[in-house]
Amino acid sequence: MASACEQRYYADWCWAENNLLESSPTYLINLKYGVCIHFDYPVDQGVEFDEFLEEKTKIQFLSNHKFDQGEINALLVEAWNYLCLEEEELNKFCEEENLE
């Protein structure tokens, strides 16, 4: 389980999949800022941070706030860090399930 600090810091982030579509697109969503980042999880899994940054054309802004490039970069860093924590938690869960 993520630390209490991590839980508070990333409380506005979620990982979502749309399984109704054949392609099952995956998104990182920030509820506080109204930002949705589409990424292809099976393909992008294991990519380096620089490769993740190159995907910023897949960002959707759901609010009327105009983000400058610095804000966009900060959101992408935060999204990457959240994704890494989510993958760690998923791996722990899978390991625990295999042990039982």
N, C-alpha and C. Protein backbone atom coordinates (compact mmCIF):
# COMPACT_ATOMS: atom_id res chain seq x y z
N MET A 1 0.85 -1.18 0.00
CA MET A 1 0.00 0.00 0.00
C MET A 1 0.89 1.24 0.00
N ALA A 2 0.51 2.20 -0.79
CA ALA A 2 1.25 3.47 -0.85
C ALA A 2 1.22 4.15 0.52
N SER A 3 2.24 4.93 0.78
CA SER A 3 2.31 5.64 2.06
C SER A 3 1.16 6.65 2.17
N ALA A 4 0.89 7.09 3.38
CA ALA A 4 -0.18 8.08 3.61
C ALA A 4 0.12 9.36 2.85
N CYS A 5 1.39 9.74 2.81
CA CYS A 5 1.79 10.95 2.09
C CYS A 5 1.51 10.80 0.59
N GLU A 6 1.89 9.64 0.02
CA GLU A 6 1.63 9.39 -1.40
C GLU A 6 0.13 9.35 -1.68
N GLN A 7 -0.61 8.75 -0.77
CA GLN A 7 -2.06 8.68 -0.96
C GLN A 7 -2.68 10.07 -1.01
N ARG A 8 -2.24 10.95 -0.12
CA ARG A 8 -2.77 12.32 -0.12
C ARG A 8 -2.32 13.07 -1.38
N TYR A 9 -1.04 12.93 -1.75
CA TYR A 9 -0.49 13.67 -2.88
C TYR A 9 -1.18 13.28 -4.20
N TYR A 10 -1.45 11.99 -4.36
CA TYR A 10 -2.01 11.50 -5.62
C TYR A 10 -3.52 11.23 -5.54
N ALA A 11 -4.18 11.81 -4.56
CA ALA A 11 -5.62 11.57 -4.37
C ALA A 11 -6.45 12.01 -5.57
N ASP A 12 -5.98 12.96 -6.34
CA ASP A 12 -6.74 13.48 -7.49
C ASP A 12 -6.42 12.75 -8.79
N TRP A 13 -5.57 11.75 -8.74
CA TRP A 13 -5.21 10.98 -9.94
C TRP A 13 -5.95 9.66 -9.95
N CYS A 14 -6.30 9.19 -11.14
CA CYS A 14 -6.83 7.84 -11.27
C CYS A 14 -6.43 7.27 -12.63
N TRP A 15 -6.42 5.98 -12.68
CA TRP A 15 -6.06 5.23 -13.88
C TRP A 15 -7.36 4.61 -14.37
N ALA A 16 -7.70 4.79 -15.61
CA ALA A 16 -8.98 4.30 -16.12
C ALA A 16 -8.80 3.61 -17.47
N GLU A 17 -9.66 2.64 -17.71
CA GLU A 17 -9.72 1.95 -19.00
C GLU A 17 -11.14 2.01 -19.51
N ASN A 18 -11.29 2.13 -20.81
CA ASN A 18 -12.60 2.06 -21.42
C ASN A 18 -12.68 0.71 -22.13
N ASN A 19 -13.22 -0.28 -21.43
CA ASN A 19 -13.28 -1.64 -21.97
C ASN A 19 -14.45 -1.86 -22.92
N LEU A 20 -15.27 -0.84 -23.12
CA LEU A 20 -16.36 -0.96 -24.09
C LEU A 20 -15.84 -0.82 -25.52
N LEU A 21 -14.70 -0.15 -25.65
CA LEU A 21 -14.10 0.00 -26.98
C LEU A 21 -13.16 -1.17 -27.24
N GLU A 22 -13.10 -1.59 -28.48
CA GLU A 22 -12.25 -2.73 -28.85
C GLU A 22 -10.78 -2.48 -28.50
N SER A 23 -10.34 -1.25 -28.65
CA SER A 23 -8.94 -0.92 -28.38
C SER A 23 -8.63 -0.79 -26.88
N SER A 24 -9.67 -0.76 -26.04
CA SER A 24 -9.54 -0.60 -24.58
C SER A 24 -8.54 0.49 -24.20
N PRO A 25 -8.81 1.73 -24.62
CA PRO A 25 -7.85 2.81 -24.31
C PRO A 25 -7.69 3.00 -22.80
N THR A 26 -6.49 3.39 -22.43
CA THR A 26 -6.14 3.60 -21.03
C THR A 26 -5.83 5.07 -20.82
N TYR A 27 -6.23 5.60 -19.66
CA TYR A 27 -6.05 7.02 -19.37
C TYR A 27 -5.53 7.23 -17.96
N LEU A 28 -4.74 8.26 -17.80
CA LEU A 28 -4.43 8.81 -16.50
C LEU A 28 -5.25 10.09 -16.41
N ILE A 29 -6.03 10.23 -15.36
CA ILE A 29 -6.94 11.36 -15.22
C ILE A 29 -6.62 12.11 -13.93
N ASN A 30 -6.49 13.43 -14.04
CA ASN A 30 -6.33 14.26 -12.86
C ASN A 30 -7.63 15.02 -12.66
N LEU A 31 -8.31 14.69 -11.58
CA LEU A 31 -9.63 15.29 -11.31
C LEU A 31 -9.52 16.73 -10.87
N LYS A 32 -8.44 17.10 -10.21
CA LYS A 32 -8.28 18.47 -9.72
C LYS A 32 -8.13 19.46 -10.87
N TYR A 33 -7.31 19.10 -11.86
CA TYR A 33 -7.03 20.01 -12.97
C TYR A 33 -7.85 19.71 -14.23
N GLY A 34 -8.59 18.61 -14.23
CA GLY A 34 -9.39 18.28 -15.40
C GLY A 34 -8.53 17.94 -16.61
N VAL A 35 -7.57 17.06 -16.38
CA VAL A 35 -6.65 16.66 -17.45
C VAL A 35 -6.74 15.15 -17.63
N CYS A 36 -6.80 14.73 -18.88
CA CYS A 36 -6.87 13.32 -19.22
C CYS A 36 -5.71 13.00 -20.17
N ILE A 37 -4.87 12.04 -19.81
CA ILE A 37 -3.72 11.67 -20.63
C ILE A 37 -3.95 10.26 -21.15
N HIS A 38 -4.12 10.15 -22.45
CA HIS A 38 -4.31 8.84 -23.08
C HIS A 38 -2.95 8.21 -23.33
N PHE A 39 -2.83 6.93 -22.97
CA PHE A 39 -1.62 6.20 -23.31
C PHE A 39 -1.99 4.75 -23.57
N ASP A 40 -1.19 4.07 -24.35
CA ASP A 40 -1.44 2.68 -24.72
C ASP A 40 -0.69 1.80 -23.74
N TYR A 41 -1.36 1.39 -22.65
CA TYR A 41 -0.67 0.71 -21.56
C TYR A 41 0.12 -0.52 -22.00
N PRO A 42 -0.47 -1.45 -22.75
CA PRO A 42 0.35 -2.62 -23.12
C PRO A 42 1.58 -2.25 -23.94
N VAL A 43 1.48 -1.24 -24.77
CA VAL A 43 2.60 -0.81 -25.60
C VAL A 43 3.56 0.06 -24.79
N ASP A 44 3.00 1.01 -24.02
CA ASP A 44 3.82 1.97 -23.29
C ASP A 44 4.38 1.43 -21.98
N GLN A 45 3.92 0.27 -21.54
CA GLN A 45 4.43 -0.30 -20.30
C GLN A 45 5.94 -0.53 -20.45
N GLY A 46 6.68 -0.03 -19.52
CA GLY A 46 8.13 -0.19 -19.55
C GLY A 46 8.86 0.86 -20.35
N VAL A 47 8.16 1.85 -20.89
CA VAL A 47 8.85 2.91 -21.61
C VAL A 47 9.59 3.80 -20.62
N GLU A 48 10.57 4.49 -21.10
CA GLU A 48 11.31 5.44 -20.28
C GLU A 48 10.54 6.76 -20.20
N PHE A 49 10.90 7.57 -19.24
CA PHE A 49 10.22 8.84 -19.02
C PHE A 49 10.25 9.72 -20.27
N ASP A 50 11.39 9.78 -20.97
CA ASP A 50 11.49 10.61 -22.18
C ASP A 50 10.48 10.17 -23.24
N GLU A 51 10.29 8.86 -23.37
CA GLU A 51 9.32 8.35 -24.34
C GLU A 51 7.90 8.71 -23.92
N PHE A 52 7.63 8.66 -22.62
CA PHE A 52 6.32 9.05 -22.11
C PHE A 52 6.05 10.52 -22.42
N LEU A 53 7.06 11.37 -22.25
CA LEU A 53 6.90 12.80 -22.54
C LEU A 53 6.58 13.07 -24.00
N GLU A 54 7.11 12.25 -24.88
CA GLU A 54 6.85 12.44 -26.31
C GLU A 54 5.38 12.21 -26.65
N GLU A 55 4.65 11.56 -25.76
CA GLU A 55 3.24 11.26 -26.01
C GLU A 55 2.31 12.39 -25.61
N LYS A 56 2.84 13.59 -25.30
CA LYS A 56 1.97 14.63 -24.77
C LYS A 56 0.92 15.14 -25.75
N THR A 57 0.99 14.76 -27.01
CA THR A 57 -0.08 15.13 -27.93
C THR A 57 -1.38 14.42 -27.57
N LYS A 58 -1.32 13.43 -26.68
CA LYS A 58 -2.50 12.69 -26.30
C LYS A 58 -3.16 13.26 -25.04
N ILE A 59 -2.80 14.48 -24.66
CA ILE A 59 -3.39 15.11 -23.48
C ILE A 59 -4.68 15.81 -23.89
N GLN A 60 -5.72 15.61 -23.08
CA GLN A 60 -6.97 16.33 -23.27
C GLN A 60 -7.22 17.18 -22.04
N PHE A 61 -7.57 18.43 -22.26
CA PHE A 61 -7.88 19.34 -21.17
C PHE A 61 -9.39 19.46 -21.06
N LEU A 62 -9.92 19.07 -19.92
CA LEU A 62 -11.36 19.02 -19.73
C LEU A 62 -11.92 20.29 -19.09
N SER A 63 -11.02 21.16 -18.67
CA SER A 63 -11.45 22.42 -18.05
C SER A 63 -11.15 23.58 -19.00
N ASN A 64 -11.60 24.76 -18.63
CA ASN A 64 -11.34 25.96 -19.43
C ASN A 64 -10.01 26.62 -19.09
N HIS A 65 -9.32 26.09 -18.10
CA HIS A 65 -8.03 26.66 -17.70
C HIS A 65 -7.02 26.49 -18.84
N LYS A 66 -6.30 27.54 -19.14
CA LYS A 66 -5.25 27.49 -20.16
C LYS A 66 -3.93 27.16 -19.48
N PHE A 67 -3.40 26.00 -19.75
CA PHE A 67 -2.15 25.55 -19.16
C PHE A 67 -0.97 26.03 -19.98
N ASP A 68 0.06 26.57 -19.30
CA ASP A 68 1.27 26.93 -20.02
C ASP A 68 2.17 25.69 -20.08
N GLN A 69 3.24 25.77 -20.83
CA GLN A 69 4.11 24.60 -21.04
C GLN A 69 4.72 24.11 -19.73
N GLY A 70 5.04 25.01 -18.82
CA GLY A 70 5.59 24.60 -17.53
C GLY A 70 4.58 23.78 -16.73
N GLU A 71 3.32 24.21 -16.74
CA GLU A 71 2.26 23.47 -16.04
C GLU A 71 2.03 22.10 -16.68
N ILE A 72 2.08 22.07 -18.00
CA ILE A 72 1.90 20.80 -18.71
C ILE A 72 3.03 19.84 -18.35
N ASN A 73 4.26 20.34 -18.35
CA ASN A 73 5.40 19.48 -18.00
C ASN A 73 5.29 18.97 -16.57
N ALA A 74 4.87 19.84 -15.64
CA ALA A 74 4.71 19.43 -14.25
C ALA A 74 3.63 18.35 -14.12
N LEU A 75 2.52 18.50 -14.86
CA LEU A 75 1.47 17.48 -14.84
C LEU A 75 1.96 16.16 -15.41
N LEU A 76 2.77 16.22 -16.46
CA LEU A 76 3.31 14.99 -17.05
C LEU A 76 4.26 14.28 -16.09
N VAL A 77 5.07 15.04 -15.37
CA VAL A 77 5.96 14.44 -14.37
C VAL A 77 5.13 13.78 -13.27
N GLU A 78 4.13 14.50 -12.80
CA GLU A 78 3.27 13.96 -11.75
C GLU A 78 2.52 12.73 -12.24
N ALA A 79 2.05 12.75 -13.48
CA ALA A 79 1.36 11.59 -14.06
C ALA A 79 2.30 10.40 -14.14
N TRP A 80 3.53 10.62 -14.56
CA TRP A 80 4.53 9.55 -14.65
C TRP A 80 4.78 8.94 -13.28
N ASN A 81 4.96 9.79 -12.28
CA ASN A 81 5.22 9.30 -10.93
C ASN A 81 4.03 8.51 -10.39
N TYR A 82 2.83 8.99 -10.67
CA TYR A 82 1.63 8.27 -10.27
C TYR A 82 1.56 6.91 -10.97
N LEU A 83 1.85 6.88 -12.25
CA LEU A 83 1.82 5.64 -13.02
C LEU A 83 2.81 4.63 -12.44
N CYS A 84 4.00 5.10 -12.07
CA CYS A 84 5.00 4.20 -11.47
C CYS A 84 4.50 3.62 -10.16
N LEU A 85 3.86 4.44 -9.33
CA LEU A 85 3.31 3.93 -8.06
C LEU A 85 2.18 2.94 -8.30
N GLU A 86 1.32 3.23 -9.27
CA GLU A 86 0.23 2.30 -9.60
C GLU A 86 0.78 0.96 -10.05
N GLU A 87 1.82 0.97 -10.88
CA GLU A 87 2.42 -0.27 -11.36
C GLU A 87 3.04 -1.05 -10.21
N GLU A 88 3.69 -0.36 -9.27
CA GLU A 88 4.25 -1.02 -8.09
C GLU A 88 3.14 -1.71 -7.30
N GLU A 89 2.03 -1.01 -7.08
CA GLU A 89 0.92 -1.59 -6.33
C GLU A 89 0.32 -2.79 -7.07
N LEU A 90 0.20 -2.68 -8.38
CA LEU A 90 -0.33 -3.79 -9.18
C LEU A 90 0.60 -5.00 -9.09
N ASN A 91 1.90 -4.77 -9.16
CA ASN A 91 2.86 -5.87 -9.05
C ASN A 91 2.78 -6.53 -7.68
N LYS A 92 2.67 -5.74 -6.62
CA LYS A 92 2.53 -6.30 -5.27
C LYS A 92 1.27 -7.16 -5.17
N PHE A 93 0.17 -6.65 -5.71
CA PHE A 93 -1.09 -7.38 -5.68
C PHE A 93 -0.96 -8.72 -6.41
N CYS A 94 -0.34 -8.68 -7.58
CA CYS A 94 -0.17 -9.91 -8.37
C CYS A 94 0.72 -10.91 -7.65
N GLU A 95 1.78 -10.43 -7.00
CA GLU A 95 2.66 -11.31 -6.25
C GLU A 95 1.91 -11.95 -5.08
N GLU A 96 1.10 -11.18 -4.37
CA GLU A 96 0.33 -11.70 -3.24
C GLU A 96 -0.68 -12.74 -3.72
N GLU A 97 -1.31 -12.50 -4.85
CA GLU A 97 -2.29 -13.44 -5.38
C GLU A 97 -1.62 -14.75 -5.78
N ASN A 98 -0.40 -14.67 -6.31
CA ASN A 98 0.32 -15.87 -6.72
C ASN A 98 0.78 -16.69 -5.53
N LEU A 99 1.00 -16.04 -4.39
CA LEU A 99 1.45 -16.74 -3.20
C LEU A 99 0.31 -17.51 -2.53
N GLU A 100 -0.91 -17.10 -2.77
CA GLU A 100 -2.05 -17.74 -2.08
C GLU A 100 -2.56 -18.93 -2.83
